[in-house]
Amino acid sequence: MSNNRPFPADYTYDIRPDGSIHITDLDLGNKSVTNDVEGVLSDLAETIDLAGREITYLDSSGQVDRILHDNGKFTGFAPLRRK
């Protein structure tokens, strides 16, 4: 992941069969994904086309939420609603 910002979030991600992206915050002492979300999206956008993809993340407290974005530009968070 990119190191061009101070204390970037430590995370992993996987691309699900449906094309959605799931991020896991590793909670290693740097910023959380929540507090570095713009940087995390920027990192991902370097190698993945984020347009139209649902992005979820598991935060350090065990909560899973959605990261809302417009083609990789962060627009907000939303609770994950199961179908």
PDB file of N, CA and C in Angstrom:
ATOM      1  N   MET A   1       0.828  -1.171   0.000  1.00  0.00           N
ATOM      2  CA  MET A   1       0.000   0.000   0.000  1.00  0.00           C
ATOM      3  C   MET A   1       0.882   1.248   0.000  1.00  0.00           C
ATOM      4  N   SER A   2       0.306   2.351  -0.354  1.00  0.00           N
ATOM      5  CA  SER A   2       1.064   3.582  -0.531  1.00  0.00           C
ATOM      6  C   SER A   2       1.605   4.109   0.797  1.00  0.00           C
ATOM      7  N   ASN A   3       2.831   4.606   0.770  1.00  0.00           N
ATOM      8  CA  ASN A   3       3.447   5.176   1.967  1.00  0.00           C
ATOM      9  C   ASN A   3       3.711   6.661   1.803  1.00  0.00           C
ATOM     10  N   ASN A   4       2.963   7.330   0.933  1.00  0.00           N
ATOM     11  CA  ASN A   4       3.192   8.752   0.700  1.00  0.00           C
ATOM     12  C   ASN A   4       2.394   9.647   1.638  1.00  0.00           C
ATOM     13  N   ARG A   5       1.841   9.102   2.698  1.00  0.00           N
ATOM     14  CA  ARG A   5       1.114   9.882   3.699  1.00  0.00           C
ATOM     15  C   ARG A   5       1.516   9.372   5.085  1.00  0.00           C
ATOM     16  N   PRO A   6       1.481  10.238   6.088  1.00  0.00           N
ATOM     17  CA  PRO A   6       1.906   9.816   7.420  1.00  0.00           C
ATOM     18  C   PRO A   6       0.956   8.788   8.047  1.00  0.00           C
ATOM     19  N   PHE A   7       1.529   7.750   8.585  1.00  0.00           N
ATOM     20  CA  PHE A   7       0.788   6.711   9.312  1.00  0.00           C
ATOM     21  C   PHE A   7      -0.417   6.157   8.536  1.00  0.00           C
ATOM     22  N   PRO A   8      -0.203   5.684   7.309  1.00  0.00           N
ATOM     23  CA  PRO A   8      -1.327   5.155   6.533  1.00  0.00           C
ATOM     24  C   PRO A   8      -1.945   3.936   7.211  1.00  0.00           C
ATOM     25  N   ALA A   9      -3.208   3.723   6.948  1.00  0.00           N
ATOM     26  CA  ALA A   9      -3.918   2.575   7.520  1.00  0.00           C
ATOM     27  C   ALA A   9      -3.259   1.268   7.091  1.00  0.00           C
ATOM     28  N   ASP A  10      -3.251   0.320   7.999  1.00  0.00           N
ATOM     29  CA  ASP A  10      -2.780  -1.036   7.702  1.00  0.00           C
ATOM     30  C   ASP A  10      -4.019  -1.881   7.428  1.00  0.00           C
ATOM     31  N   TYR A  11      -4.082  -2.453   6.235  1.00  0.00           N
ATOM     32  CA  TYR A  11      -5.283  -3.195   5.865  1.00  0.00           C
ATOM     33  C   TYR A  11      -4.959  -4.240   4.804  1.00  0.00           C
ATOM     34  N   THR A  12      -5.874  -5.145   4.649  1.00  0.00           N
ATOM     35  CA  THR A  12      -5.854  -6.081   3.530  1.00  0.00           C
ATOM     36  C   THR A  12      -7.195  -5.940   2.834  1.00  0.00           C
ATOM     37  N   TYR A  13      -7.280  -6.478   1.638  1.00  0.00           N
ATOM     38  CA  TYR A  13      -8.556  -6.456   0.936  1.00  0.00           C
ATOM     39  C   TYR A  13      -8.665  -7.686   0.052  1.00  0.00           C
ATOM     40  N   ASP A  14      -9.889  -8.022  -0.287  1.00  0.00           N
ATOM     41  CA  ASP A  14     -10.100  -9.075  -1.270  1.00  0.00           C
ATOM     42  C   ASP A  14     -11.255  -8.665  -2.161  1.00  0.00           C
ATOM     43  N   ILE A  15     -11.210  -9.170  -3.370  1.00  0.00           N
ATOM     44  CA  ILE A  15     -12.273  -8.924  -4.332  1.00  0.00           C
ATOM     45  C   ILE A  15     -13.150 -10.165  -4.346  1.00  0.00           C
ATOM     46  N   ARG A  16     -14.399  -9.974  -4.044  1.00  0.00           N
ATOM     47  CA  ARG A  16     -15.356 -11.067  -3.948  1.00  0.00           C
ATOM     48  C   ARG A  16     -15.803 -11.511  -5.344  1.00  0.00           C
ATOM     49  N   PRO A  17     -16.366 -12.715  -5.454  1.00  0.00           N
ATOM     50  CA  PRO A  17     -16.831 -13.207  -6.758  1.00  0.00           C
ATOM     51  C   PRO A  17     -17.824 -12.267  -7.457  1.00  0.00           C
ATOM     52  N   ASP A  18     -18.598 -11.507  -6.680  1.00  0.00           N
ATOM     53  CA  ASP A  18     -19.558 -10.579  -7.288  1.00  0.00           C
ATOM     54  C   ASP A  18     -18.920  -9.254  -7.703  1.00  0.00           C
ATOM     55  N   GLY A  19     -17.598  -9.122  -7.510  1.00  0.00           N
ATOM     56  CA  GLY A  19     -16.887  -7.905  -7.891  1.00  0.00           C
ATOM     57  C   GLY A  19     -16.765  -6.879  -6.784  1.00  0.00           C
ATOM     58  N   SER A  20     -17.460  -7.096  -5.664  1.00  0.00           N
ATOM     59  CA  SER A  20     -17.345  -6.158  -4.551  1.00  0.00           C
ATOM     60  C   SER A  20     -15.979  -6.323  -3.883  1.00  0.00           C
ATOM     61  N   ILE A  21     -15.602  -5.304  -3.140  1.00  0.00           N
ATOM     62  CA  ILE A  21     -14.312  -5.295  -2.449  1.00  0.00           C
ATOM     63  C   ILE A  21     -14.574  -5.282  -0.952  1.00  0.00           C
ATOM     64  N   HIS A  22     -13.864  -6.150  -0.225  1.00  0.00           N
ATOM     65  CA  HIS A  22     -13.975  -6.169   1.226  1.00  0.00           C
ATOM     66  C   HIS A  22     -12.604  -5.851   1.819  1.00  0.00           C
ATOM     67  N   ILE A  23     -12.567  -4.824   2.663  1.00  0.00           N
ATOM     68  CA  ILE A  23     -11.342  -4.356   3.315  1.00  0.00           C
ATOM     69  C   ILE A  23     -11.383  -4.782   4.775  1.00  0.00           C
ATOM     70  N   THR A  24     -10.247  -5.238   5.283  1.00  0.00           N
ATOM     71  CA  THR A  24     -10.123  -5.567   6.701  1.00  0.00           C
ATOM     72  C   THR A  24      -9.058  -4.663   7.318  1.00  0.00           C
ATOM     73  N   ASP A  25      -9.446  -3.910   8.343  1.00  0.00           N
ATOM     74  CA  ASP A  25      -8.507  -3.057   9.077  1.00  0.00           C
ATOM     75  C   ASP A  25      -7.663  -3.956   9.973  1.00  0.00           C
ATOM     76  N   LEU A  26      -6.340  -3.921   9.804  1.00  0.00           N
ATOM     77  CA  LEU A  26      -5.445  -4.782  10.576  1.00  0.00           C
ATOM     78  C   LEU A  26      -5.126  -4.232  11.961  1.00  0.00           C
ATOM     79  N   ASP A  27      -5.436  -2.964  12.227  1.00  0.00           N
ATOM     80  CA  ASP A  27      -5.268  -2.366  13.556  1.00  0.00           C
ATOM     81  C   ASP A  27      -3.857  -2.590  14.105  1.00  0.00           C
ATOM     82  N   LEU A  28      -2.847  -2.157  13.330  1.00  0.00           N
ATOM     83  CA  LEU A  28      -1.451  -2.341  13.740  1.00  0.00           C
ATOM     84  C   LEU A  28      -0.830  -1.096  14.359  1.00  0.00           C
ATOM     85  N   GLY A  29      -1.652  -0.093  14.667  1.00  0.00           N
ATOM     86  CA  GLY A  29      -1.138   1.081  15.356  1.00  0.00           C
ATOM     87  C   GLY A  29      -1.098   2.346  14.520  1.00  0.00           C
ATOM     88  N   ASN A  30      -1.250   2.248  13.213  1.00  0.00           N
ATOM     89  CA  ASN A  30      -1.338   3.441  12.377  1.00  0.00           C
ATOM     90  C   ASN A  30      -2.785   3.917  12.355  1.00  0.00           C
ATOM     91  N   LYS A  31      -3.118   4.806  11.423  1.00  0.00           N
ATOM     92  CA  LYS A  31      -4.499   5.262  11.291  1.00  0.00           C
ATOM     93  C   LYS A  31      -5.406   4.080  11.009  1.00  0.00           C
ATOM     94  N   SER A  32      -6.662   4.222  11.392  1.00  0.00           N
ATOM     95  CA  SER A  32      -7.656   3.204  11.057  1.00  0.00           C
ATOM     96  C   SER A  32      -8.108   3.429   9.613  1.00  0.00           C
ATOM     97  N   VAL A  33      -8.725   2.418   9.030  1.00  0.00           N
ATOM     98  CA  VAL A  33      -9.312   2.591   7.705  1.00  0.00           C
ATOM     99  C   VAL A  33     -10.333   3.724   7.752  1.00  0.00           C
ATOM    100  N   THR A  34     -11.108   3.796   8.824  1.00  0.00           N
ATOM    101  CA  THR A  34     -12.098   4.859   8.978  1.00  0.00           C
ATOM    102  C   THR A  34     -11.451   6.232   8.877  1.00  0.00           C
ATOM    103  N   ASN A  35     -10.308   6.423   9.529  1.00  0.00           N
ATOM    104  CA  ASN A  35      -9.644   7.722   9.554  1.00  0.00           C
ATOM    105  C   ASN A  35      -8.730   7.970   8.357  1.00  0.00           C
ATOM    106  N   ASP A  36      -8.509   6.963   7.537  1.00  0.00           N
ATOM    107  CA  ASP A  36      -7.650   7.101   6.360  1.00  0.00           C
ATOM    108  C   ASP A  36      -8.377   6.642   5.100  1.00  0.00           C
ATOM    109  N   VAL A  37      -9.695   6.733   5.108  1.00  0.00           N
ATOM    110  CA  VAL A  37     -10.486   6.158   4.024  1.00  0.00           C
ATOM    111  C   VAL A  37     -10.133   6.756   2.663  1.00  0.00           C
ATOM    112  N   GLU A  38      -9.885   8.064   2.591  1.00  0.00           N
ATOM    113  CA  GLU A  38      -9.528   8.659   1.300  1.00  0.00           C
ATOM    114  C   GLU A  38      -8.224   8.058   0.778  1.00  0.00           C
ATOM    115  N   GLY A  39      -7.255   7.869   1.670  1.00  0.00           N
ATOM    116  CA  GLY A  39      -5.979   7.278   1.285  1.00  0.00           C
ATOM    117  C   GLY A  39      -6.121   5.822   0.865  1.00  0.00           C
ATOM    118  N   VAL A  40      -6.960   5.079   1.589  1.00  0.00           N
ATOM    119  CA  VAL A  40      -7.192   3.674   1.250  1.00  0.00           C
ATOM    120  C   VAL A  40      -7.827   3.569  -0.133  1.00  0.00           C
ATOM    121  N   LEU A  41      -8.840   4.389  -0.400  1.00  0.00           N
ATOM    122  CA  LEU A  41      -9.471   4.366  -1.724  1.00  0.00           C
ATOM    123  C   LEU A  41      -8.486   4.759  -2.814  1.00  0.00           C
ATOM    124  N   SER A  42      -7.654   5.729  -2.524  1.00  0.00           N
ATOM    125  CA  SER A  42      -6.637   6.144  -3.486  1.00  0.00           C
ATOM    126  C   SER A  42      -5.661   5.003  -3.776  1.00  0.00           C
ATOM    127  N   ASP A  43      -5.228   4.310  -2.726  1.00  0.00           N
ATOM    128  CA  ASP A  43      -4.352   3.146  -2.902  1.00  0.00           C
ATOM    129  C   ASP A  43      -5.008   2.111  -3.812  1.00  0.00           C
ATOM    130  N   LEU A  44      -6.251   1.774  -3.515  1.00  0.00           N
ATOM    131  CA  LEU A  44      -6.953   0.752  -4.278  1.00  0.00           C
ATOM    132  C   LEU A  44      -7.130   1.176  -5.730  1.00  0.00           C
ATOM    133  N   ALA A  45      -7.442   2.456  -5.931  1.00  0.00           N
ATOM    134  CA  ALA A  45      -7.689   2.960  -7.285  1.00  0.00           C
ATOM    135  C   ALA A  45      -6.441   2.909  -8.161  1.00  0.00           C
ATOM    136  N   GLU A  46      -5.265   2.785  -7.556  1.00  0.00           N
ATOM    137  CA  GLU A  46      -4.027   2.668  -8.340  1.00  0.00           C
ATOM    138  C   GLU A  46      -4.001   1.380  -9.150  1.00  0.00           C
ATOM    139  N   THR A  47      -4.708   0.340  -8.670  1.00  0.00           N
ATOM    140  CA  THR A  47      -4.649  -0.955  -9.350  1.00  0.00           C
ATOM    141  C   THR A  47      -6.013  -1.556  -9.699  1.00  0.00           C
ATOM    142  N   ILE A  48      -7.092  -0.970  -9.177  1.00  0.00           N
ATOM    143  CA  ILE A  48      -8.431  -1.530  -9.380  1.00  0.00           C
ATOM    144  C   ILE A  48      -9.364  -0.418  -9.852  1.00  0.00           C
ATOM    145  N   ASP A  49     -10.187  -0.706 -10.847  1.00  0.00           N
ATOM    146  CA  ASP A  49     -11.227   0.231 -11.245  1.00  0.00           C
ATOM    147  C   ASP A  49     -12.354   0.121 -10.216  1.00  0.00           C
ATOM    148  N   LEU A  50     -12.562   1.165  -9.437  1.00  0.00           N
ATOM    149  CA  LEU A  50     -13.550   1.135  -8.359  1.00  0.00           C
ATOM    150  C   LEU A  50     -14.951   1.515  -8.815  1.00  0.00           C
ATOM    151  N   ALA A  51     -15.106   1.990 -10.027  1.00  0.00           N
ATOM    152  CA  ALA A  51     -16.401   2.445 -10.525  1.00  0.00           C
ATOM    153  C   ALA A  51     -17.448   1.343 -10.390  1.00  0.00           C
ATOM    154  N   GLY A  52     -18.536   1.668  -9.716  1.00  0.00           N
ATOM    155  CA  GLY A  52     -19.659   0.761  -9.584  1.00  0.00           C
ATOM    156  C   GLY A  52     -19.475  -0.387  -8.606  1.00  0.00           C
ATOM    157  N   ARG A  53     -18.351  -0.458  -7.942  1.00  0.00           N
ATOM    158  CA  ARG A  53     -18.118  -1.562  -7.001  1.00  0.00           C
ATOM    159  C   ARG A  53     -18.617  -1.211  -5.603  1.00  0.00           C
ATOM    160  N   GLU A  54     -19.269  -2.164  -4.966  1.00  0.00           N
ATOM    161  CA  GLU A  54     -19.608  -2.007  -3.556  1.00  0.00           C
ATOM    162  C   GLU A  54     -18.334  -2.280  -2.760  1.00  0.00           C
ATOM    163  N   ILE A  55     -18.096  -1.452  -1.759  1.00  0.00           N
ATOM    164  CA  ILE A  55     -16.927  -1.632  -0.898  1.00  0.00           C
ATOM    165  C   ILE A  55     -17.410  -1.726   0.540  1.00  0.00           C
ATOM    166  N   THR A  56     -17.015  -2.797   1.215  1.00  0.00           N
ATOM    167  CA  THR A  56     -17.319  -2.964   2.628  1.00  0.00           C
ATOM    168  C   THR A  56     -15.995  -3.042   3.388  1.00  0.00           C
ATOM    169  N   TYR A  57     -16.076  -2.791   4.685  1.00  0.00           N
ATOM    170  CA  TYR A  57     -14.864  -2.932   5.498  1.00  0.00           C
ATOM    171  C   TYR A  57     -15.207  -3.399   6.899  1.00  0.00           C
ATOM    172  N   LEU A  58     -14.280  -4.170   7.428  1.00  0.00           N
ATOM    173  CA  LEU A  58     -14.347  -4.649   8.804  1.00  0.00           C
ATOM    174  C   LEU A  58     -13.428  -3.765   9.616  1.00  0.00           C
ATOM    175  N   ASP A  59     -14.000  -3.000  10.554  1.00  0.00           N
ATOM    176  CA  ASP A  59     -13.156  -2.103  11.345  1.00  0.00           C
ATOM    177  C   ASP A  59     -12.540  -2.833  12.537  1.00  0.00           C
ATOM    178  N   SER A  60     -11.720  -2.124  13.273  1.00  0.00           N
ATOM    179  CA  SER A  60     -10.973  -2.740  14.364  1.00  0.00           C
ATOM    180  C   SER A  60     -11.857  -3.169  15.535  1.00  0.00           C
ATOM    181  N   SER A  61     -13.103  -2.700  15.567  1.00  0.00           N
ATOM    182  CA  SER A  61     -14.010  -3.122  16.639  1.00  0.00           C
ATOM    183  C   SER A  61     -14.928  -4.266  16.192  1.00  0.00           C
ATOM    184  N   GLY A  62     -14.735  -4.768  14.979  1.00  0.00           N
ATOM    185  CA  GLY A  62     -15.519  -5.890  14.499  1.00  0.00           C
ATOM    186  C   GLY A  62     -16.791  -5.522  13.757  1.00  0.00           C
ATOM    187  N   GLN A  63     -17.005  -4.239  13.510  1.00  0.00           N
ATOM    188  CA  GLN A  63     -18.192  -3.755  12.798  1.00  0.00           C
ATOM    189  C   GLN A  63     -17.921  -3.747  11.290  1.00  0.00           C
ATOM    190  N   VAL A  64     -18.876  -4.240  10.516  1.00  0.00           N
ATOM    191  CA  VAL A  64     -18.768  -4.191   9.058  1.00  0.00           C
ATOM    192  C   VAL A  64     -19.718  -3.114   8.536  1.00  0.00           C
ATOM    193  N   ASP A  65     -19.194  -2.201   7.733  1.00  0.00           N
ATOM    194  CA  ASP A  65     -19.978  -1.129   7.136  1.00  0.00           C
ATOM    195  C   ASP A  65     -19.599  -0.971   5.674  1.00  0.00           C
ATOM    196  N   ARG A  66     -20.372  -0.150   4.976  1.00  0.00           N
ATOM    197  CA  ARG A  66     -20.079   0.156   3.586  1.00  0.00           C
ATOM    198  C   ARG A  66     -19.320   1.471   3.499  1.00  0.00           C
ATOM    199  N   ILE A  67     -18.411   1.531   2.536  1.00  0.00           N
ATOM    200  CA  ILE A  67     -17.762   2.782   2.177  1.00  0.00           C
ATOM    201  C   ILE A  67     -18.458   3.253   0.905  1.00  0.00           C
ATOM    202  N   LEU A  68     -19.095   4.403   0.984  1.00  0.00           N
ATOM    203  CA  LEU A  68     -19.770   4.969  -0.174  1.00  0.00           C
ATOM    204  C   LEU A  68     -18.770   5.794  -0.966  1.00  0.00           C
ATOM    205  N   HIS A  69     -18.860   5.687  -2.293  1.00  0.00           N
ATOM    206  CA  HIS A  69     -17.911   6.413  -3.128  1.00  0.00           C
ATOM    207  C   HIS A  69     -18.512   6.686  -4.495  1.00  0.00           C
ATOM    208  N   ASP A  70     -17.940   7.653  -5.159  1.00  0.00           N
ATOM    209  CA  ASP A  70     -18.298   7.982  -6.535  1.00  0.00           C
ATOM    210  C   ASP A  70     -17.045   7.764  -7.368  1.00  0.00           C
ATOM    211  N   ASN A  71     -16.972   6.612  -8.018  1.00  0.00           N
ATOM    212  CA  ASN A  71     -15.790   6.239  -8.816  1.00  0.00           C
ATOM    213  C   ASN A  71     -14.495   6.355  -8.019  1.00  0.00           C
ATOM    214  N   GLY A  72     -14.528   5.933  -6.760  1.00  0.00           N
ATOM    215  CA  GLY A  72     -13.336   5.934  -5.920  1.00  0.00           C
ATOM    216  C   GLY A  72     -13.161   7.165  -5.050  1.00  0.00           C
ATOM    217  N   LYS A  73     -14.002   8.192  -5.235  1.00  0.00           N
ATOM    218  CA  LYS A  73     -13.938   9.386  -4.379  1.00  0.00           C
ATOM    219  C   LYS A  73     -14.904   9.169  -3.218  1.00  0.00           C
ATOM    220  N   PHE A  74     -14.375   9.187  -2.013  1.00  0.00           N
ATOM    221  CA  PHE A  74     -15.157   8.933  -0.800  1.00  0.00           C
ATOM    222  C   PHE A  74     -16.317   9.909  -0.674  1.00  0.00           C
ATOM    223  N   THR A  75     -17.522   9.366  -0.396  1.00  0.00           N
ATOM    224  CA  THR A  75     -18.692  10.222  -0.179  1.00  0.00           C
ATOM    225  C   THR A  75     -19.370   9.975   1.173  1.00  0.00           C
ATOM    226  N   GLY A  76     -19.009   8.892   1.865  1.00  0.00           N
ATOM    227  CA  GLY A  76     -19.597   8.664   3.174  1.00  0.00           C
ATOM    228  C   GLY A  76     -19.538   7.198   3.583  1.00  0.00           C
ATOM    229  N   PHE A  77     -20.072   6.929   4.758  1.00  0.00           N
ATOM    230  CA  PHE A  77     -20.183   5.578   5.295  1.00  0.00           C
ATOM    231  C   PHE A  77     -21.663   5.240   5.423  1.00  0.00           C
ATOM    232  N   ALA A  78     -21.980   3.956   5.372  1.00  0.00           N
ATOM    233  CA  ALA A  78     -23.359   3.511   5.571  1.00  0.00           C
ATOM    234  C   ALA A  78     -23.337   2.163   6.259  1.00  0.00           C
ATOM    235  N   PRO A  79     -24.326   1.924   7.112  1.00  0.00           N
ATOM    236  CA  PRO A  79     -24.390   0.603   7.734  1.00  0.00           C
ATOM    237  C   PRO A  79     -24.620  -0.460   6.665  1.00  0.00           C
ATOM    238  N   LEU A  80     -24.064  -1.613   6.877  1.00  0.00           N
ATOM    239  CA  LEU A  80     -24.253  -2.730   5.948  1.00  0.00           C
ATOM    240  C   LEU A  80     -25.607  -3.354   6.233  1.00  0.00           C
ATOM    241  N   ARG A  81     -26.410  -3.446   5.238  1.00  0.00           N
ATOM    242  CA  ARG A  81     -27.721  -4.072   5.379  1.00  0.00           C
ATOM    243  C   ARG A  81     -27.701  -5.385   4.634  1.00  0.00           C
ATOM    244  N   ARG A  82     -27.954  -6.441   5.355  1.00  0.00           N
ATOM    245  CA  ARG A  82     -27.986  -7.778   4.760  1.00  0.00           C
ATOM    246  C   ARG A  82     -29.315  -7.974   4.043  1.00  0.00           C
ATOM    247  N   LYS A  83     -29.256  -8.653   2.903  1.00  0.00           N
ATOM    248  CA  LYS A  83     -30.467  -8.956   2.148  1.00  0.00           C
ATOM    249  C   LYS A  83     -31.105 -10.208   2.675  1.00  0.00           C
TER     250      LYS A  83
END
